[in-house]
Amino acid sequence: MRYETTLKNTNLQAFLHTLAYSEGTNLYPLADQYRVKFGSTPKKPRLCTSMLDHPREIYQDKAFPKGSDASGRYQFMSFTWDVLRKSLDLPDFSPKCQDVACTGLISMCNALNDICLGRFDVAVQKCNRTWASLPGSPYGQPTHLLVALRNYYITMGGQISMIE
């Protein structure tokens, strides 16, 4: 599977954990993080019942009237998942496939090398148009402070390069 070796990189693993933290899916047990659908709360979880494909279920409420079908640990939109699934030849929506797809998406943001080399701030800036929860995101949703994400990344074992 593509990105198999890259997924072993400690900095990439820490970045994936940080994305889950930023997207709020880390509030669930690890197995459930890959099943979380948009609109979930720990008290009222909305979880995928099948991991064969993206659930494609749009959730709307007063706070988010446009709705979203974001799902999984990294909150993939179905149209993004479809592109990644085809380009990476992914068989299903399993945790391994989501990790590979997320790595592919990071690569599409031209941030994979930055992450592997510990250029965390640069990587976040490159990925903030993909994940609305990252600082500097243009989507008007609540974002996290860069320092908080950086600290979480370090806690998850990520290394910061002194040369950004």
N, C-alpha and C. Protein backbone atom coordinates (compact mmCIF):
# COMPACT_ATOMS: atom_id res chain seq x y z
N MET A 1 0.86 -1.19 0.00
CA MET A 1 0.00 0.00 0.00
C MET A 1 0.90 1.24 0.00
N ARG A 2 0.52 2.24 -0.76
CA ARG A 2 1.29 3.48 -0.85
C ARG A 2 1.41 4.14 0.53
N TYR A 3 2.52 4.76 0.79
CA TYR A 3 2.83 5.47 2.04
C TYR A 3 3.08 4.53 3.22
N GLU A 4 3.17 3.22 2.97
CA GLU A 4 3.39 2.25 4.05
C GLU A 4 4.62 2.60 4.88
N THR A 5 5.74 2.89 4.23
CA THR A 5 6.98 3.23 4.93
C THR A 5 6.87 4.60 5.59
N THR A 6 6.31 5.56 4.87
CA THR A 6 6.18 6.92 5.40
C THR A 6 5.34 6.94 6.67
N LEU A 7 4.33 6.09 6.74
CA LEU A 7 3.46 6.05 7.91
C LEU A 7 4.20 5.64 9.19
N LYS A 8 5.38 5.07 9.05
CA LYS A 8 6.18 4.68 10.21
C LYS A 8 6.97 5.86 10.78
N ASN A 9 7.01 6.98 10.06
CA ASN A 9 7.73 8.15 10.52
C ASN A 9 7.10 8.71 11.79
N THR A 10 7.89 8.89 12.81
CA THR A 10 7.40 9.35 14.12
C THR A 10 6.73 10.72 14.03
N ASN A 11 7.31 11.62 13.25
CA ASN A 11 6.71 12.94 13.11
C ASN A 11 5.36 12.88 12.40
N LEU A 12 5.25 12.02 11.40
CA LEU A 12 3.97 11.87 10.70
C LEU A 12 2.93 11.29 11.65
N GLN A 13 3.29 10.29 12.43
CA GLN A 13 2.35 9.72 13.40
C GLN A 13 1.88 10.79 14.38
N ALA A 14 2.82 11.61 14.87
CA ALA A 14 2.46 12.69 15.79
C ALA A 14 1.54 13.71 15.11
N PHE A 15 1.79 13.99 13.82
CA PHE A 15 0.95 14.94 13.09
C PHE A 15 -0.45 14.37 12.90
N LEU A 16 -0.56 13.08 12.60
CA LEU A 16 -1.88 12.46 12.46
C LEU A 16 -2.66 12.54 13.77
N HIS A 17 -1.99 12.28 14.89
CA HIS A 17 -2.64 12.43 16.20
C HIS A 17 -3.07 13.88 16.42
N THR A 18 -2.24 14.81 15.98
CA THR A 18 -2.56 16.23 16.15
C THR A 18 -3.76 16.64 15.30
N LEU A 19 -3.86 16.10 14.10
CA LEU A 19 -5.05 16.38 13.28
C LEU A 19 -6.31 15.85 13.96
N ALA A 20 -6.23 14.65 14.54
CA ALA A 20 -7.39 14.09 15.25
C ALA A 20 -7.75 14.98 16.44
N TYR A 21 -6.75 15.48 17.13
CA TYR A 21 -6.97 16.40 18.24
C TYR A 21 -7.65 17.68 17.73
N SER A 22 -7.11 18.23 16.66
CA SER A 22 -7.64 19.47 16.11
C SER A 22 -9.08 19.32 15.62
N GLU A 23 -9.37 18.19 14.99
CA GLU A 23 -10.71 17.92 14.47
C GLU A 23 -11.68 17.45 15.55
N GLY A 24 -11.16 17.14 16.73
CA GLY A 24 -12.01 16.73 17.86
C GLY A 24 -12.33 15.26 17.91
N THR A 25 -11.79 14.49 17.00
CA THR A 25 -12.10 13.05 17.00
C THR A 25 -11.32 12.30 18.06
N ASN A 26 -10.28 12.92 18.61
CA ASN A 26 -9.49 12.26 19.66
C ASN A 26 -10.26 12.15 20.98
N LEU A 27 -11.44 12.75 21.05
CA LEU A 27 -12.26 12.68 22.26
C LEU A 27 -12.92 11.31 22.43
N TYR A 28 -12.77 10.47 21.43
CA TYR A 28 -13.38 9.14 21.41
C TYR A 28 -12.29 8.09 21.56
N PRO A 29 -12.65 6.86 21.97
CA PRO A 29 -11.65 5.78 21.98
C PRO A 29 -11.06 5.64 20.57
N LEU A 30 -9.80 5.22 20.47
CA LEU A 30 -9.11 5.17 19.18
C LEU A 30 -9.91 4.45 18.10
N ALA A 31 -10.47 3.31 18.39
CA ALA A 31 -11.24 2.56 17.39
C ALA A 31 -12.42 3.39 16.88
N ASP A 32 -13.06 4.15 17.76
CA ASP A 32 -14.20 4.97 17.36
C ASP A 32 -13.79 6.24 16.61
N GLN A 33 -12.57 6.70 16.80
CA GLN A 33 -12.12 7.91 16.10
C GLN A 33 -12.27 7.77 14.59
N TYR A 34 -12.07 6.58 14.08
CA TYR A 34 -12.16 6.33 12.64
C TYR A 34 -13.62 6.19 12.18
N ARG A 35 -14.55 6.18 13.11
CA ARG A 35 -15.98 6.00 12.79
C ARG A 35 -16.81 7.26 13.03
N VAL A 36 -16.18 8.32 13.54
CA VAL A 36 -16.89 9.54 13.94
C VAL A 36 -17.44 10.29 12.71
N LYS A 37 -18.71 10.65 12.80
CA LYS A 37 -19.33 11.46 11.75
C LYS A 37 -19.50 12.89 12.27
N PHE A 38 -19.49 13.83 11.34
CA PHE A 38 -19.70 15.24 11.69
C PHE A 38 -20.99 15.38 12.49
N GLY A 39 -20.94 16.22 13.51
CA GLY A 39 -22.10 16.44 14.36
C GLY A 39 -22.08 15.58 15.61
N SER A 40 -21.05 14.76 15.76
CA SER A 40 -20.93 13.91 16.95
C SER A 40 -20.49 14.74 18.16
N THR A 41 -20.89 14.29 19.29
CA THR A 41 -20.34 14.76 20.56
C THR A 41 -20.08 13.51 21.40
N PRO A 42 -19.13 13.59 22.33
CA PRO A 42 -18.89 12.41 23.17
C PRO A 42 -20.15 11.92 23.89
N LYS A 43 -21.05 12.85 24.25
CA LYS A 43 -22.29 12.44 24.92
C LYS A 43 -23.32 11.92 23.93
N LYS A 44 -23.22 12.34 22.68
CA LYS A 44 -24.16 11.93 21.64
C LYS A 44 -23.38 11.55 20.38
N PRO A 45 -22.67 10.42 20.43
CA PRO A 45 -21.84 10.05 19.28
C PRO A 45 -22.66 9.64 18.07
N ARG A 46 -22.16 10.04 16.92
CA ARG A 46 -22.70 9.60 15.63
C ARG A 46 -21.56 8.83 14.98
N LEU A 47 -21.69 7.52 14.90
CA LEU A 47 -20.60 6.68 14.41
C LEU A 47 -21.00 5.89 13.17
N CYS A 48 -20.05 5.71 12.26
CA CYS A 48 -20.26 4.88 11.07
C CYS A 48 -20.55 3.46 11.52
N THR A 49 -21.52 2.84 10.91
CA THR A 49 -21.83 1.45 11.24
C THR A 49 -21.09 0.49 10.33
N SER A 50 -20.66 0.97 9.16
CA SER A 50 -19.92 0.14 8.22
C SER A 50 -18.65 0.87 7.82
N MET A 51 -17.58 0.12 7.66
CA MET A 51 -16.32 0.72 7.23
C MET A 51 -16.00 0.34 5.78
N LEU A 52 -17.01 -0.09 5.03
CA LEU A 52 -16.80 -0.46 3.64
C LEU A 52 -16.56 0.76 2.76
N ASP A 53 -17.19 1.90 3.14
CA ASP A 53 -17.04 3.13 2.36
C ASP A 53 -17.40 4.30 3.27
N HIS A 54 -17.08 5.49 2.80
CA HIS A 54 -17.48 6.72 3.48
C HIS A 54 -19.01 6.69 3.66
N PRO A 55 -19.54 7.07 4.82
CA PRO A 55 -20.99 6.95 5.05
C PRO A 55 -21.87 7.91 4.24
N ARG A 56 -21.32 9.02 3.78
CA ARG A 56 -22.05 9.97 2.92
C ARG A 56 -23.38 10.45 3.53
N GLU A 57 -23.37 10.67 4.81
CA GLU A 57 -24.56 11.13 5.51
C GLU A 57 -24.38 12.60 5.91
N ILE A 58 -25.18 13.47 5.33
CA ILE A 58 -25.07 14.90 5.63
C ILE A 58 -25.78 15.20 6.95
N TYR A 59 -25.07 15.93 7.80
CA TYR A 59 -25.63 16.35 9.08
C TYR A 59 -25.77 17.87 9.07
N GLN A 60 -26.94 18.34 9.44
CA GLN A 60 -27.22 19.77 9.52
C GLN A 60 -27.81 20.09 10.88
N ASP A 61 -27.52 21.28 11.37
CA ASP A 61 -28.20 21.79 12.56
C ASP A 61 -28.18 23.31 12.49
N LYS A 62 -28.72 23.97 13.50
CA LYS A 62 -28.79 25.44 13.49
C LYS A 62 -27.41 26.07 13.42
N ALA A 63 -26.44 25.45 14.07
CA ALA A 63 -25.09 26.00 14.09
C ALA A 63 -24.37 25.79 12.75
N PHE A 64 -24.78 24.80 11.99
CA PHE A 64 -24.14 24.49 10.72
C PHE A 64 -25.22 24.15 9.69
N PRO A 65 -25.97 25.18 9.24
CA PRO A 65 -27.12 24.94 8.36
C PRO A 65 -26.76 24.38 6.99
N LYS A 66 -25.54 24.64 6.49
CA LYS A 66 -25.14 24.10 5.19
C LYS A 66 -24.97 22.59 5.26
N GLY A 67 -24.64 22.09 6.41
CA GLY A 67 -24.45 20.66 6.59
C GLY A 67 -23.08 20.19 6.13
N SER A 68 -22.74 19.00 6.55
CA SER A 68 -21.46 18.40 6.19
C SER A 68 -21.60 16.88 6.29
N ASP A 69 -20.86 16.19 5.43
CA ASP A 69 -20.82 14.73 5.55
C ASP A 69 -19.42 14.27 5.97
N ALA A 70 -18.65 15.18 6.58
CA ALA A 70 -17.31 14.84 7.05
C ALA A 70 -17.38 13.64 8.00
N SER A 71 -16.47 12.70 7.80
CA SER A 71 -16.47 11.48 8.60
C SER A 71 -15.06 10.93 8.74
N GLY A 72 -14.89 10.12 9.77
CA GLY A 72 -13.62 9.46 10.02
C GLY A 72 -12.71 10.26 10.93
N ARG A 73 -11.58 9.68 11.24
CA ARG A 73 -10.64 10.30 12.18
C ARG A 73 -10.19 11.68 11.71
N TYR A 74 -10.06 11.86 10.40
CA TYR A 74 -9.56 13.12 9.85
C TYR A 74 -10.66 13.93 9.18
N GLN A 75 -11.90 13.53 9.39
CA GLN A 75 -13.09 14.22 8.91
C GLN A 75 -13.05 14.49 7.40
N PHE A 76 -12.95 13.40 6.66
CA PHE A 76 -12.96 13.47 5.20
C PHE A 76 -14.36 13.81 4.69
N MET A 77 -14.44 14.72 3.77
CA MET A 77 -15.68 14.95 3.03
C MET A 77 -15.78 13.84 1.99
N SER A 78 -16.98 13.44 1.61
CA SER A 78 -17.13 12.31 0.69
C SER A 78 -16.46 12.57 -0.65
N PHE A 79 -16.55 13.79 -1.17
CA PHE A 79 -15.94 14.07 -2.48
C PHE A 79 -14.42 13.99 -2.39
N THR A 80 -13.84 14.37 -1.26
CA THR A 80 -12.39 14.23 -1.07
C THR A 80 -12.03 12.75 -0.94
N TRP A 81 -12.82 12.02 -0.16
CA TRP A 81 -12.57 10.59 0.00
C TRP A 81 -12.60 9.88 -1.35
N ASP A 82 -13.56 10.22 -2.20
CA ASP A 82 -13.68 9.56 -3.50
C ASP A 82 -12.41 9.74 -4.34
N VAL A 83 -11.87 10.95 -4.33
CA VAL A 83 -10.63 11.22 -5.09
C VAL A 83 -9.47 10.43 -4.51
N LEU A 84 -9.34 10.46 -3.18
CA LEU A 84 -8.24 9.75 -2.52
C LEU A 84 -8.37 8.23 -2.70
N ARG A 85 -9.58 7.74 -2.55
CA ARG A 85 -9.80 6.29 -2.66
C ARG A 85 -9.39 5.80 -4.05
N LYS A 86 -9.77 6.56 -5.07
CA LYS A 86 -9.44 6.16 -6.44
C LYS A 86 -7.94 6.31 -6.70
N SER A 87 -7.37 7.44 -6.34
CA SER A 87 -5.96 7.69 -6.66
C SER A 87 -5.01 6.80 -5.87
N LEU A 88 -5.41 6.40 -4.67
CA LEU A 88 -4.55 5.56 -3.83
C LEU A 88 -4.99 4.09 -3.84
N ASP A 89 -6.02 3.78 -4.61
CA ASP A 89 -6.54 2.42 -4.73
C ASP A 89 -6.87 1.81 -3.36
N LEU A 90 -7.67 2.53 -2.60
CA LEU A 90 -8.03 2.10 -1.25
C LEU A 90 -9.28 1.22 -1.29
N PRO A 91 -9.25 0.07 -0.62
CA PRO A 91 -10.38 -0.86 -0.71
C PRO A 91 -11.58 -0.51 0.16
N ASP A 92 -11.38 0.30 1.20
CA ASP A 92 -12.47 0.56 2.14
C ASP A 92 -12.18 1.80 2.98
N PHE A 93 -12.95 2.00 4.01
CA PHE A 93 -12.84 3.18 4.90
C PHE A 93 -12.20 2.78 6.24
N SER A 94 -11.43 1.71 6.23
CA SER A 94 -10.80 1.18 7.45
C SER A 94 -9.78 2.16 8.02
N PRO A 95 -9.40 1.99 9.27
CA PRO A 95 -8.39 2.87 9.87
C PRO A 95 -7.11 2.96 9.04
N LYS A 96 -6.59 1.86 8.57
CA LYS A 96 -5.36 1.87 7.77
C LYS A 96 -5.56 2.70 6.50
N CYS A 97 -6.69 2.52 5.83
CA CYS A 97 -6.96 3.28 4.61
C CYS A 97 -7.13 4.76 4.92
N GLN A 98 -7.76 5.09 6.04
CA GLN A 98 -7.89 6.50 6.41
C GLN A 98 -6.52 7.12 6.70
N ASP A 99 -5.63 6.38 7.36
CA ASP A 99 -4.28 6.90 7.62
C ASP A 99 -3.53 7.12 6.31
N VAL A 100 -3.66 6.18 5.38
CA VAL A 100 -3.01 6.33 4.08
C VAL A 100 -3.61 7.51 3.33
N ALA A 101 -4.93 7.63 3.34
CA ALA A 101 -5.60 8.74 2.64
C ALA A 101 -5.20 10.08 3.25
N CYS A 102 -5.12 10.14 4.56
CA CYS A 102 -4.70 11.38 5.22
C CYS A 102 -3.28 11.75 4.81
N THR A 103 -2.42 10.76 4.75
CA THR A 103 -1.04 10.99 4.31
C THR A 103 -1.03 11.48 2.87
N GLY A 104 -1.86 10.91 2.03
CA GLY A 104 -1.98 11.36 0.65
C GLY A 104 -2.47 12.79 0.56
N LEU A 105 -3.42 13.13 1.41
CA LEU A 105 -3.95 14.50 1.43
C LEU A 105 -2.89 15.49 1.90
N ILE A 106 -2.12 15.09 2.90
CA ILE A 106 -1.00 15.92 3.38
C ILE A 106 0.00 16.12 2.24
N SER A 107 0.26 15.05 1.51
CA SER A 107 1.17 15.14 0.36
C SER A 107 0.63 16.09 -0.69
N MET A 108 -0.68 16.05 -0.93
CA MET A 108 -1.30 16.96 -1.89
C MET A 108 -1.18 18.42 -1.45
N CYS A 109 -1.05 18.63 -0.15
CA CYS A 109 -0.84 19.98 0.39
C CYS A 109 0.63 20.39 0.33
N ASN A 110 1.47 19.50 -0.20
CA ASN A 110 2.91 19.72 -0.25
C ASN A 110 3.53 19.89 1.14
N ALA A 111 2.99 19.18 2.12
CA ALA A 111 3.46 19.32 3.50
C ALA A 111 4.10 18.04 4.05
N LEU A 112 4.08 16.96 3.30
CA LEU A 112 4.57 15.69 3.83
C LEU A 112 6.06 15.75 4.19
N ASN A 113 6.86 16.31 3.31
CA ASN A 113 8.29 16.43 3.58
C ASN A 113 8.53 17.33 4.80
N ASP A 114 7.77 18.42 4.91
CA ASP A 114 7.90 19.32 6.06
C ASP A 114 7.63 18.57 7.36
N ILE A 115 6.58 17.77 7.36
CA ILE A 115 6.23 17.01 8.57
C ILE A 115 7.34 16.02 8.92
N CYS A 116 7.77 15.27 7.95
CA CYS A 116 8.81 14.26 8.21
C CYS A 116 10.09 14.90 8.72
N LEU A 117 10.37 16.13 8.30
CA LEU A 117 11.58 16.82 8.73
C LEU A 117 11.37 17.69 9.98
N GLY A 118 10.15 17.67 10.54
CA GLY A 118 9.90 18.41 11.77
C GLY A 118 9.58 19.88 11.60
N ARG A 119 9.22 20.28 10.40
CA ARG A 119 8.84 21.69 10.16
C ARG A 119 7.33 21.82 10.38
N PHE A 120 6.96 21.71 11.64
CA PHE A 120 5.56 21.64 12.03
C PHE A 120 4.77 22.88 11.62
N ASP A 121 5.26 24.07 11.97
CA ASP A 121 4.52 25.30 11.68
C ASP A 121 4.27 25.47 10.18
N VAL A 122 5.28 25.17 9.39
CA VAL A 122 5.15 25.27 7.93
C VAL A 122 4.08 24.28 7.44
N ALA A 123 4.12 23.06 7.97
CA ALA A 123 3.15 22.03 7.57
C ALA A 123 1.72 22.45 7.92
N VAL A 124 1.52 22.99 9.10
CA VAL A 124 0.19 23.44 9.51
C VAL A 124 -0.30 24.52 8.55
N GLN A 125 0.57 25.46 8.22
CA GLN A 125 0.18 26.54 7.30
C GLN A 125 -0.21 25.97 5.93
N LYS A 126 0.50 24.96 5.47
CA LYS A 126 0.20 24.36 4.17
C LYS A 126 -1.09 23.54 4.19
N CYS A 127 -1.45 23.03 5.36
CA CYS A 127 -2.63 22.15 5.47
C CYS A 127 -3.90 22.88 5.92
N ASN A 128 -3.82 24.16 6.25
CA ASN A 128 -4.98 24.84 6.83
C ASN A 128 -6.11 25.13 5.85
N ARG A 129 -5.93 24.90 4.59
CA ARG A 129 -7.03 25.01 3.62
C ARG A 129 -7.74 23.67 3.46
N THR A 130 -7.13 22.62 4.01
CA THR A 130 -7.71 21.29 3.94
C THR A 130 -8.47 20.95 5.22
N TRP A 131 -7.90 21.30 6.37
CA TRP A 131 -8.55 21.05 7.66
C TRP A 131 -8.96 22.38 8.28
N ALA A 132 -10.26 22.59 8.38
CA ALA A 132 -10.82 23.86 8.84
C ALA A 132 -10.48 24.18 10.29
N SER A 133 -10.05 23.21 11.06
CA SER A 133 -9.74 23.43 12.47
C SER A 133 -8.33 23.95 12.70
N LEU A 134 -7.51 23.99 11.63
CA LEU A 134 -6.13 24.45 11.78
C LEU A 134 -6.06 25.97 11.74
N PRO A 135 -5.12 26.55 12.50
CA PRO A 135 -4.99 28.01 12.51
C PRO A 135 -4.72 28.57 11.12
N GLY A 136 -5.36 29.70 10.82
CA GLY A 136 -5.20 30.32 9.52
C GLY A 136 -6.17 29.79 8.47
N SER A 137 -7.01 28.84 8.85
CA SER A 137 -7.99 28.29 7.92
C SER A 137 -8.94 29.41 7.47
N PRO A 138 -9.30 29.44 6.19
CA PRO A 138 -10.16 30.51 5.68
C PRO A 138 -11.65 30.24 5.81
N TYR A 139 -12.06 29.18 6.51
CA TYR A 139 -13.45 28.75 6.46
C TYR A 139 -14.36 29.34 7.53
N GLY A 140 -13.82 30.10 8.45
CA GLY A 140 -14.66 30.75 9.46
C GLY A 140 -15.12 29.85 10.58
N GLN A 141 -14.61 28.64 10.65
CA GLN A 141 -14.93 27.75 11.76
C GLN A 141 -13.92 27.99 12.88
N PRO A 142 -14.26 27.57 14.09
CA PRO A 142 -13.30 27.73 15.19
C PRO A 142 -12.00 26.97 14.88
N THR A 143 -10.89 27.59 15.21
CA THR A 143 -9.58 26.97 14.99
C THR A 143 -8.82 26.91 16.32
N HIS A 144 -7.76 26.13 16.32
CA HIS A 144 -6.91 26.01 17.50
C HIS A 144 -5.73 26.97 17.38
N LEU A 145 -5.16 27.31 18.50
CA LEU A 145 -3.94 28.12 18.49
C LEU A 145 -2.78 27.25 18.04
N LEU A 146 -1.89 27.82 17.25
CA LEU A 146 -0.73 27.08 16.76
C LEU A 146 0.10 26.53 17.92
N VAL A 147 0.29 27.32 18.95
CA VAL A 147 1.11 26.87 20.09
C VAL A 147 0.49 25.65 20.77
N ALA A 148 -0.83 25.61 20.86
CA ALA A 148 -1.51 24.47 21.48
C ALA A 148 -1.33 23.21 20.63
N LEU A 149 -1.45 23.36 19.32
CA LEU A 149 -1.26 22.21 18.43
C LEU A 149 0.20 21.75 18.45
N ARG A 150 1.12 22.71 18.46
CA ARG A 150 2.54 22.35 18.51
C ARG A 150 2.85 21.58 19.78
N ASN A 151 2.33 22.04 20.91
CA ASN A 151 2.55 21.35 22.18
C ASN A 151 1.96 19.95 22.16
N TYR A 152 0.79 19.80 21.58
CA TYR A 152 0.17 18.48 21.48
C TYR A 152 1.02 17.56 20.61
N TYR A 153 1.49 18.08 19.48
CA TYR A 153 2.34 17.34 18.56
C TYR A 153 3.60 16.83 19.28
N ILE A 154 4.21 17.67 20.07
CA ILE A 154 5.41 17.28 20.83
C ILE A 154 5.05 16.21 21.85
N THR A 155 3.91 16.38 22.52
CA THR A 155 3.44 15.38 23.49
C THR A 155 3.23 14.02 22.82
N MET A 156 2.83 14.03 21.55
CA MET A 156 2.59 12.80 20.80
C MET A 156 3.88 12.22 20.20
N GLY A 157 5.02 12.84 20.52
CA GLY A 157 6.31 12.31 20.08
C GLY A 157 6.91 13.00 18.88
N GLY A 158 6.27 14.05 18.39
CA GLY A 158 6.81 14.78 17.24
C GLY A 158 8.01 15.64 17.63
N GLN A 159 8.92 15.75 16.68
CA GLN A 159 10.11 16.58 16.85
C GLN A 159 9.95 17.85 16.04
N ILE A 160 10.40 18.95 16.61
CA ILE A 160 10.37 20.24 15.93
C ILE A 160 11.77 20.54 15.42
N SER A 161 11.88 20.87 14.15
CA SER A 161 13.17 21.26 13.59
C SER A 161 13.45 22.69 14.00
N MET A 162 14.67 22.96 14.34
CA MET A 162 15.06 24.33 14.68
C MET A 162 15.18 25.20 13.43
N ILE A 163 15.20 24.55 12.28
CA ILE A 163 15.30 25.27 11.01
C ILE A 163 13.95 25.14 10.31
N GLU A 164 13.16 26.17 10.38
CA GLU A 164 11.85 26.17 9.71
C GLU A 164 12.07 26.72 8.35
